[in-house]
Amino acid sequence: MRKSIPILAALVLCGASGLALAHNCPNEMKDIDAKLKTKPALSSDDAAKVAKLRADGEAYHKAGKHDESMKSLLEAKKILGI
């Protein structure tokens, strides 16, 4: 019984971390929007890609597909250098 408590605690913490990331999508979108307001020097191709990734991230978030949302949003942040 005592050995199962740490395993159970680890599983609970892993599940909680997944939920925390799932609800971080709006914060990632806010970071992208804030950076875009500063008019970063981007090529037209990069600017279009960031806009698409940002829109895709929001659409995935609204559809409940948080892993896909985070992937899109983090890729956009990478292009923006944040």
PDB file of N, CA and C in Angstrom:
ATOM      1  N   MET A   1       0.821  -1.199   0.000  1.00  0.00           N
ATOM      2  CA  MET A   1       0.000   0.000   0.000  1.00  0.00           C
ATOM      3  C   MET A   1       0.862   1.258   0.000  1.00  0.00           C
ATOM      4  N   ARG A   2       1.914   1.262   0.810  1.00  0.00           N
ATOM      5  CA  ARG A   2       2.760   2.443   0.904  1.00  0.00           C
ATOM      6  C   ARG A   2       3.493   2.721  -0.404  1.00  0.00           C
ATOM      7  N   LYS A   3       3.807   1.691  -1.162  1.00  0.00           N
ATOM      8  CA  LYS A   3       4.502   1.882  -2.435  1.00  0.00           C
ATOM      9  C   LYS A   3       3.573   2.475  -3.496  1.00  0.00           C
ATOM     10  N   SER A   4       2.294   2.242  -3.363  1.00  0.00           N
ATOM     11  CA  SER A   4       1.362   2.743  -4.367  1.00  0.00           C
ATOM     12  C   SER A   4       1.041   4.224  -4.187  1.00  0.00           C
ATOM     13  N   ILE A   5       1.248   4.773  -3.012  1.00  0.00           N
ATOM     14  CA  ILE A   5       0.946   6.183  -2.765  1.00  0.00           C
ATOM     15  C   ILE A   5       1.830   7.103  -3.616  1.00  0.00           C
ATOM     16  N   PRO A   6       3.154   6.901  -3.656  1.00  0.00           N
ATOM     17  CA  PRO A   6       3.975   7.772  -4.526  1.00  0.00           C
ATOM     18  C   PRO A   6       3.626   7.626  -6.004  1.00  0.00           C
ATOM     19  N   ILE A   7       3.295   6.430  -6.415  1.00  0.00           N
ATOM     20  CA  ILE A   7       2.915   6.218  -7.815  1.00  0.00           C
ATOM     21  C   ILE A   7       1.619   6.955  -8.116  1.00  0.00           C
ATOM     22  N   LEU A   8       0.668   6.856  -7.234  1.00  0.00           N
ATOM     23  CA  LEU A   8      -0.601   7.557  -7.408  1.00  0.00           C
ATOM     24  C   LEU A   8      -0.386   9.067  -7.416  1.00  0.00           C
ATOM     25  N   ALA A   9       0.461   9.560  -6.527  1.00  0.00           N
ATOM     26  CA  ALA A   9       0.756  10.997  -6.476  1.00  0.00           C
ATOM     27  C   ALA A   9       1.399  11.461  -7.775  1.00  0.00           C
ATOM     28  N   ALA A  10       2.316  10.665  -8.310  1.00  0.00           N
ATOM     29  CA  ALA A  10       2.973  11.018  -9.567  1.00  0.00           C
ATOM     30  C   ALA A  10       1.962  11.078 -10.706  1.00  0.00           C
ATOM     31  N   LEU A  11       1.044  10.140 -10.746  1.00  0.00           N
ATOM     32  CA  LEU A  11       0.023  10.132 -11.792  1.00  0.00           C
ATOM     33  C   LEU A  11      -0.883  11.349 -11.695  1.00  0.00           C
ATOM     34  N   VAL A  12      -1.250  11.717 -10.487  1.00  0.00           N
ATOM     35  CA  VAL A  12      -2.103  12.889 -10.289  1.00  0.00           C
ATOM     36  C   VAL A  12      -1.379  14.149 -10.751  1.00  0.00           C
ATOM     37  N   LEU A  13      -0.101  14.270 -10.387  1.00  0.00           N
ATOM     38  CA  LEU A  13       0.673  15.446 -10.796  1.00  0.00           C
ATOM     39  C   LEU A  13       0.847  15.516 -12.313  1.00  0.00           C
ATOM     40  N   CYS A  14       1.066  14.386 -12.946  1.00  0.00           N
ATOM     41  CA  CYS A  14       1.181  14.370 -14.418  1.00  0.00           C
ATOM     42  C   CYS A  14      -0.126  14.811 -15.064  1.00  0.00           C
ATOM     43  N   GLY A  15      -1.229  14.336 -14.544  1.00  0.00           N
ATOM     44  CA  GLY A  15      -2.528  14.739 -15.081  1.00  0.00           C
ATOM     45  C   GLY A  15      -2.785  16.214 -14.875  1.00  0.00           C
ATOM     46  N   ALA A  16      -2.406  16.734 -13.727  1.00  0.00           N
ATOM     47  CA  ALA A  16      -2.612  18.151 -13.437  1.00  0.00           C
ATOM     48  C   ALA A  16      -1.750  19.022 -14.338  1.00  0.00           C
ATOM     49  N   SER A  17      -0.540  18.572 -14.642  1.00  0.00           N
ATOM     50  CA  SER A  17       0.322  19.384 -15.511  1.00  0.00           C
ATOM     51  C   SER A  17      -0.252  19.447 -16.919  1.00  0.00           C
ATOM     52  N   GLY A  18      -0.869  18.388 -17.375  1.00  0.00           N
ATOM     53  CA  GLY A  18      -1.514  18.402 -18.685  1.00  0.00           C
ATOM     54  C   GLY A  18      -2.664  19.384 -18.727  1.00  0.00           C
ATOM     55  N   LEU A  19      -3.425  19.454 -17.658  1.00  0.00           N
ATOM     56  CA  LEU A  19      -4.529  20.411 -17.591  1.00  0.00           C
ATOM     57  C   LEU A  19      -4.010  21.842 -17.561  1.00  0.00           C
ATOM     58  N   ALA A  20      -2.912  22.060 -16.882  1.00  0.00           N
ATOM     59  CA  ALA A  20      -2.340  23.406 -16.815  1.00  0.00           C
ATOM     60  C   ALA A  20      -1.916  23.867 -18.203  1.00  0.00           C
ATOM     61  N   LEU A  21      -1.301  22.982 -18.965  1.00  0.00           N
ATOM     62  CA  LEU A  21      -0.897  23.346 -20.320  1.00  0.00           C
ATOM     63  C   LEU A  21      -2.104  23.566 -21.221  1.00  0.00           C
ATOM     64  N   ALA A  22      -3.139  22.780 -21.020  1.00  0.00           N
ATOM     65  CA  ALA A  22      -4.323  22.909 -21.862  1.00  0.00           C
ATOM     66  C   ALA A  22      -4.976  24.265 -21.704  1.00  0.00           C
ATOM     67  N   HIS A  23      -4.867  24.828 -20.527  1.00  0.00           N
ATOM     68  CA  HIS A  23      -5.508  26.114 -20.287  1.00  0.00           C
ATOM     69  C   HIS A  23      -4.543  27.280 -20.468  1.00  0.00           C
ATOM     70  N   ASN A  24      -3.344  26.990 -20.953  1.00  0.00           N
ATOM     71  CA  ASN A  24      -2.367  28.047 -21.170  1.00  0.00           C
ATOM     72  C   ASN A  24      -2.483  28.644 -22.572  1.00  0.00           C
ATOM     73  N   CYS A  25      -3.290  28.065 -23.420  1.00  0.00           N
ATOM     74  CA  CYS A  25      -3.437  28.558 -24.793  1.00  0.00           C
ATOM     75  C   CYS A  25      -3.757  30.061 -24.837  1.00  0.00           C
ATOM     76  N   PRO A  26      -4.714  30.539 -24.053  1.00  0.00           N
ATOM     77  CA  PRO A  26      -5.018  31.972 -24.107  1.00  0.00           C
ATOM     78  C   PRO A  26      -3.815  32.851 -23.746  1.00  0.00           C
ATOM     79  N   ASN A  27      -3.001  32.402 -22.790  1.00  0.00           N
ATOM     80  CA  ASN A  27      -1.809  33.172 -22.428  1.00  0.00           C
ATOM     81  C   ASN A  27      -0.808  33.213 -23.571  1.00  0.00           C
ATOM     82  N   GLU A  28      -0.669  32.100 -24.274  1.00  0.00           N
ATOM     83  CA  GLU A  28       0.236  32.065 -25.421  1.00  0.00           C
ATOM     84  C   GLU A  28      -0.265  33.019 -26.512  1.00  0.00           C
ATOM     85  N   MET A  29      -1.576  33.032 -26.735  1.00  0.00           N
ATOM     86  CA  MET A  29      -2.143  33.938 -27.738  1.00  0.00           C
ATOM     87  C   MET A  29      -1.914  35.393 -27.340  1.00  0.00           C
ATOM     88  N   LYS A  30      -2.046  35.698 -26.054  1.00  0.00           N
ATOM     89  CA  LYS A  30      -1.811  37.059 -25.576  1.00  0.00           C
ATOM     90  C   LYS A  30      -0.363  37.468 -25.805  1.00  0.00           C
ATOM     91  N   ASP A  31       0.568  36.540 -25.564  1.00  0.00           N
ATOM     92  CA  ASP A  31       1.991  36.833 -25.788  1.00  0.00           C
ATOM     93  C   ASP A  31       2.255  37.144 -27.258  1.00  0.00           C
ATOM     94  N   ILE A  32       1.663  36.354 -28.142  1.00  0.00           N
ATOM     95  CA  ILE A  32       1.836  36.565 -29.582  1.00  0.00           C
ATOM     96  C   ILE A  32       1.244  37.906 -29.984  1.00  0.00           C
ATOM     97  N   ASP A  33       0.040  38.192 -29.517  1.00  0.00           N
ATOM     98  CA  ASP A  33      -0.618  39.455 -29.856  1.00  0.00           C
ATOM     99  C   ASP A  33       0.191  40.656 -29.363  1.00  0.00           C
ATOM    100  N   ALA A  34       0.737  40.536 -28.147  1.00  0.00           N
ATOM    101  CA  ALA A  34       1.542  41.634 -27.596  1.00  0.00           C
ATOM    102  C   ALA A  34       2.786  41.872 -28.450  1.00  0.00           C
ATOM    103  N   LYS A  35       3.419  40.801 -28.877  1.00  0.00           N
ATOM    104  CA  LYS A  35       4.621  40.939 -29.712  1.00  0.00           C
ATOM    105  C   LYS A  35       4.260  41.532 -31.070  1.00  0.00           C
ATOM    106  N   LEU A  36       3.137  41.109 -31.640  1.00  0.00           N
ATOM    107  CA  LEU A  36       2.719  41.641 -32.940  1.00  0.00           C
ATOM    108  C   LEU A  36       2.405  43.130 -32.875  1.00  0.00           C
ATOM    109  N   LYS A  37       1.939  43.613 -31.724  1.00  0.00           N
ATOM    110  CA  LYS A  37       1.643  45.041 -31.566  1.00  0.00           C
ATOM    111  C   LYS A  37       2.907  45.894 -31.621  1.00  0.00           C
ATOM    112  N   THR A  38       4.063  45.281 -31.359  1.00  0.00           N
ATOM    113  CA  THR A  38       5.324  46.027 -31.402  1.00  0.00           C
ATOM    114  C   THR A  38       5.873  46.127 -32.821  1.00  0.00           C
ATOM    115  N   LYS A  39       5.140  45.588 -33.785  1.00  0.00           N
ATOM    116  CA  LYS A  39       5.547  45.605 -35.198  1.00  0.00           C
ATOM    117  C   LYS A  39       6.943  45.008 -35.393  1.00  0.00           C
ATOM    118  N   PRO A  40       7.106  43.705 -35.066  1.00  0.00           N
ATOM    119  CA  PRO A  40       8.424  43.092 -35.219  1.00  0.00           C
ATOM    120  C   PRO A  40       8.839  43.038 -36.686  1.00  0.00           C
ATOM    121  N   ALA A  41      10.131  43.080 -36.926  1.00  0.00           N
ATOM    122  CA  ALA A  41      10.658  43.016 -38.292  1.00  0.00           C
ATOM    123  C   ALA A  41      10.593  41.572 -38.781  1.00  0.00           C
ATOM    124  N   LEU A  42       9.569  41.290 -39.564  1.00  0.00           N
ATOM    125  CA  LEU A  42       9.384  39.946 -40.124  1.00  0.00           C
ATOM    126  C   LEU A  42       9.263  40.053 -41.631  1.00  0.00           C
ATOM    127  N   SER A  43       9.720  39.024 -42.307  1.00  0.00           N
ATOM    128  CA  SER A  43       9.487  38.975 -43.752  1.00  0.00           C
ATOM    129  C   SER A  43       7.988  38.778 -43.961  1.00  0.00           C
ATOM    130  N   SER A  44       7.523  39.054 -45.154  1.00  0.00           N
ATOM    131  CA  SER A  44       6.088  38.878 -45.416  1.00  0.00           C
ATOM    132  C   SER A  44       5.682  37.419 -45.265  1.00  0.00           C
ATOM    133  N   ASP A  45       6.583  36.505 -45.637  1.00  0.00           N
ATOM    134  CA  ASP A  45       6.287  35.075 -45.479  1.00  0.00           C
ATOM    135  C   ASP A  45       6.156  34.702 -44.000  1.00  0.00           C
ATOM    136  N   ASP A  46       7.094  35.192 -43.176  1.00  0.00           N
ATOM    137  CA  ASP A  46       7.036  34.888 -41.752  1.00  0.00           C
ATOM    138  C   ASP A  46       5.814  35.523 -41.102  1.00  0.00           C
ATOM    139  N   ALA A  47       5.480  36.750 -41.489  1.00  0.00           N
ATOM    140  CA  ALA A  47       4.310  37.416 -40.935  1.00  0.00           C
ATOM    141  C   ALA A  47       3.040  36.635 -41.267  1.00  0.00           C
ATOM    142  N   ALA A  48       2.950  36.146 -42.489  1.00  0.00           N
ATOM    143  CA  ALA A  48       1.778  35.358 -42.890  1.00  0.00           C
ATOM    144  C   ALA A  48       1.735  34.037 -42.134  1.00  0.00           C
ATOM    145  N   LYS A  49       2.897  33.428 -41.947  1.00  0.00           N
ATOM    146  CA  LYS A  49       2.949  32.150 -41.235  1.00  0.00           C
ATOM    147  C   LYS A  49       2.541  32.339 -39.770  1.00  0.00           C
ATOM    148  N   VAL A  50       3.041  33.400 -39.134  1.00  0.00           N
ATOM    149  CA  VAL A  50       2.675  33.680 -37.745  1.00  0.00           C
ATOM    150  C   VAL A  50       1.172  33.918 -37.639  1.00  0.00           C
ATOM    151  N   ALA A  51       0.601  34.692 -38.550  1.00  0.00           N
ATOM    152  CA  ALA A  51      -0.833  34.964 -38.520  1.00  0.00           C
ATOM    153  C   ALA A  51      -1.640  33.671 -38.655  1.00  0.00           C
ATOM    154  N   LYS A  52      -1.203  32.794 -39.554  1.00  0.00           N
ATOM    155  CA  LYS A  52      -1.908  31.521 -39.746  1.00  0.00           C
ATOM    156  C   LYS A  52      -1.772  30.629 -38.517  1.00  0.00           C
ATOM    157  N   LEU A  53      -0.563  30.533 -37.981  1.00  0.00           N
ATOM    158  CA  LEU A  53      -0.352  29.702 -36.800  1.00  0.00           C
ATOM    159  C   LEU A  53      -1.157  30.222 -35.607  1.00  0.00           C
ATOM    160  N   ARG A  54      -1.223  31.532 -35.463  1.00  0.00           N
ATOM    161  CA  ARG A  54      -1.995  32.142 -34.369  1.00  0.00           C
ATOM    162  C   ARG A  54      -3.479  31.820 -34.528  1.00  0.00           C
ATOM    163  N   ALA A  55      -3.988  31.950 -35.745  1.00  0.00           N
ATOM    164  CA  ALA A  55      -5.398  31.654 -36.014  1.00  0.00           C
ATOM    165  C   ALA A  55      -5.687  30.166 -35.821  1.00  0.00           C
ATOM    166  N   ASP A  56      -4.785  29.324 -36.296  1.00  0.00           N
ATOM    167  CA  ASP A  56      -4.960  27.874 -36.115  1.00  0.00           C
ATOM    168  C   ASP A  56      -4.959  27.518 -34.638  1.00  0.00           C
ATOM    169  N   GLY A  57      -4.047  28.138 -33.885  1.00  0.00           N
ATOM    170  CA  GLY A  57      -3.972  27.865 -32.456  1.00  0.00           C
ATOM    171  C   GLY A  57      -5.260  28.218 -31.744  1.00  0.00           C
ATOM    172  N   GLU A  58      -5.844  29.350 -32.107  1.00  0.00           N
ATOM    173  CA  GLU A  58      -7.109  29.742 -31.488  1.00  0.00           C
ATOM    174  C   GLU A  58      -8.233  28.793 -31.880  1.00  0.00           C
ATOM    175  N   ALA A  59      -8.265  28.400 -33.146  1.00  0.00           N
ATOM    176  CA  ALA A  59      -9.303  27.471 -33.608  1.00  0.00           C
ATOM    177  C   ALA A  59      -9.181  26.120 -32.905  1.00  0.00           C
ATOM    178  N   TYR A  60      -7.954  25.621 -32.789  1.00  0.00           N
ATOM    179  CA  TYR A  60      -7.744  24.350 -32.079  1.00  0.00           C
ATOM    180  C   TYR A  60      -8.173  24.484 -30.618  1.00  0.00           C
ATOM    181  N   HIS A  61      -7.830  25.598 -29.995  1.00  0.00           N
ATOM    182  CA  HIS A  61      -8.202  25.812 -28.598  1.00  0.00           C
ATOM    183  C   HIS A  61      -9.717  25.778 -28.428  1.00  0.00           C
ATOM    184  N   LYS A  62     -10.420  26.488 -29.294  1.00  0.00           N
ATOM    185  CA  LYS A  62     -11.885  26.527 -29.206  1.00  0.00           C
ATOM    186  C   LYS A  62     -12.506  25.159 -29.451  1.00  0.00           C
ATOM    187  N   ALA A  63     -11.809  24.316 -30.249  1.00  0.00           N
ATOM    188  CA  ALA A  63     -12.303  22.973 -30.540  1.00  0.00           C
ATOM    189  C   ALA A  63     -11.907  21.976 -29.450  1.00  0.00           C
ATOM    190  N   GLY A  64     -11.159  22.449 -28.445  1.00  0.00           N
ATOM    191  CA  GLY A  64     -10.743  21.564 -27.370  1.00  0.00           C
ATOM    192  C   GLY A  64      -9.508  20.747 -27.691  1.00  0.00           C
ATOM    193  N   LYS A  65      -8.840  21.070 -28.785  1.00  0.00           N
ATOM    194  CA  LYS A  65      -7.633  20.346 -29.198  1.00  0.00           C
ATOM    195  C   LYS A  65      -6.411  21.127 -28.708  1.00  0.00           C
ATOM    196  N   HIS A  66      -6.162  21.035 -27.411  1.00  0.00           N
ATOM    197  CA  HIS A  66      -5.160  21.881 -26.783  1.00  0.00           C
ATOM    198  C   HIS A  66      -3.728  21.516 -27.164  1.00  0.00           C
ATOM    199  N   ASP A  67      -3.460  20.238 -27.417  1.00  0.00           N
ATOM    200  CA  ASP A  67      -2.103  19.857 -27.840  1.00  0.00           C
ATOM    201  C   ASP A  67      -1.770  20.497 -29.184  1.00  0.00           C
ATOM    202  N   GLU A  68      -2.710  20.413 -30.122  1.00  0.00           N
ATOM    203  CA  GLU A  68      -2.497  21.018 -31.435  1.00  0.00           C
ATOM    204  C   GLU A  68      -2.392  22.535 -31.322  1.00  0.00           C
ATOM    205  N   SER A  69      -3.216  23.107 -30.448  1.00  0.00           N
ATOM    206  CA  SER A  69      -3.187  24.547 -30.234  1.00  0.00           C
ATOM    207  C   SER A  69      -1.824  24.987 -29.736  1.00  0.00           C
ATOM    208  N   MET A  70      -1.322  24.317 -28.719  1.00  0.00           N
ATOM    209  CA  MET A  70      -0.022  24.676 -28.163  1.00  0.00           C
ATOM    210  C   MET A  70       1.087  24.499 -29.196  1.00  0.00           C
ATOM    211  N   LYS A  71       1.000  23.477 -30.006  1.00  0.00           N
ATOM    212  CA  LYS A  71       2.018  23.255 -31.032  1.00  0.00           C
ATOM    213  C   LYS A  71       2.042  24.439 -32.008  1.00  0.00           C
ATOM    214  N   SER A  72       0.883  24.865 -32.476  1.00  0.00           N
ATOM    215  CA  SER A  72       0.806  25.991 -33.406  1.00  0.00           C
ATOM    216  C   SER A  72       1.287  27.281 -32.758  1.00  0.00           C
ATOM    217  N   LEU A  73       0.821  27.528 -31.552  1.00  0.00           N
ATOM    218  CA  LEU A  73       1.160  28.777 -30.874  1.00  0.00           C
ATOM    219  C   LEU A  73       2.643  28.852 -30.529  1.00  0.00           C
ATOM    220  N   LEU A  74       3.220  27.737 -30.101  1.00  0.00           N
ATOM    221  CA  LEU A  74       4.646  27.740 -29.776  1.00  0.00           C
ATOM    222  C   LEU A  74       5.507  27.905 -31.027  1.00  0.00           C
ATOM    223  N   GLU A  75       5.051  27.373 -32.150  1.00  0.00           N
ATOM    224  CA  GLU A  75       5.775  27.576 -33.401  1.00  0.00           C
ATOM    225  C   GLU A  75       5.736  29.054 -33.812  1.00  0.00           C
ATOM    226  N   ALA A  76       4.579  29.693 -33.623  1.00  0.00           N
ATOM    227  CA  ALA A  76       4.464  31.116 -33.916  1.00  0.00           C
ATOM    228  C   ALA A  76       5.389  31.935 -33.014  1.00  0.00           C
ATOM    229  N   LYS A  77       5.438  31.563 -31.728  1.00  0.00           N
ATOM    230  CA  LYS A  77       6.309  32.268 -30.791  1.00  0.00           C
ATOM    231  C   LYS A  77       7.775  32.104 -31.177  1.00  0.00           C
ATOM    232  N   LYS A  78       8.119  30.939 -31.667  1.00  0.00           N
ATOM    233  CA  LYS A  78       9.499  30.693 -32.079  1.00  0.00           C
ATOM    234  C   LYS A  78       9.885  31.623 -33.232  1.00  0.00           C
ATOM    235  N   ILE A  79       8.999  31.756 -34.192  1.00  0.00           N
ATOM    236  CA  ILE A  79       9.262  32.650 -35.332  1.00  0.00           C
ATOM    237  C   ILE A  79       9.405  34.091 -34.845  1.00  0.00           C
ATOM    238  N   LEU A  80       8.582  34.465 -33.859  1.00  0.00           N
ATOM    239  CA  LEU A  80       8.629  35.824 -33.318  1.00  0.00           C
ATOM    240  C   LEU A  80       9.803  36.059 -32.372  1.00  0.00           C
ATOM    241  N   GLY A  81      10.477  34.987 -31.986  1.00  0.00           N
ATOM    242  CA  GLY A  81      11.612  35.118 -31.086  1.00  0.00           C
ATOM    243  C   GLY A  81      11.228  35.299 -29.636  1.00  0.00           C
ATOM    244  N   ILE A  82      10.063  34.768 -29.272  1.00  0.00           N
ATOM    245  CA  ILE A  82       9.632  34.840 -27.861  1.00  0.00           C
ATOM    246  C   ILE A  82       9.408  33.450 -27.308  1.00  0.00           C
TER     247      ILE A  82
END
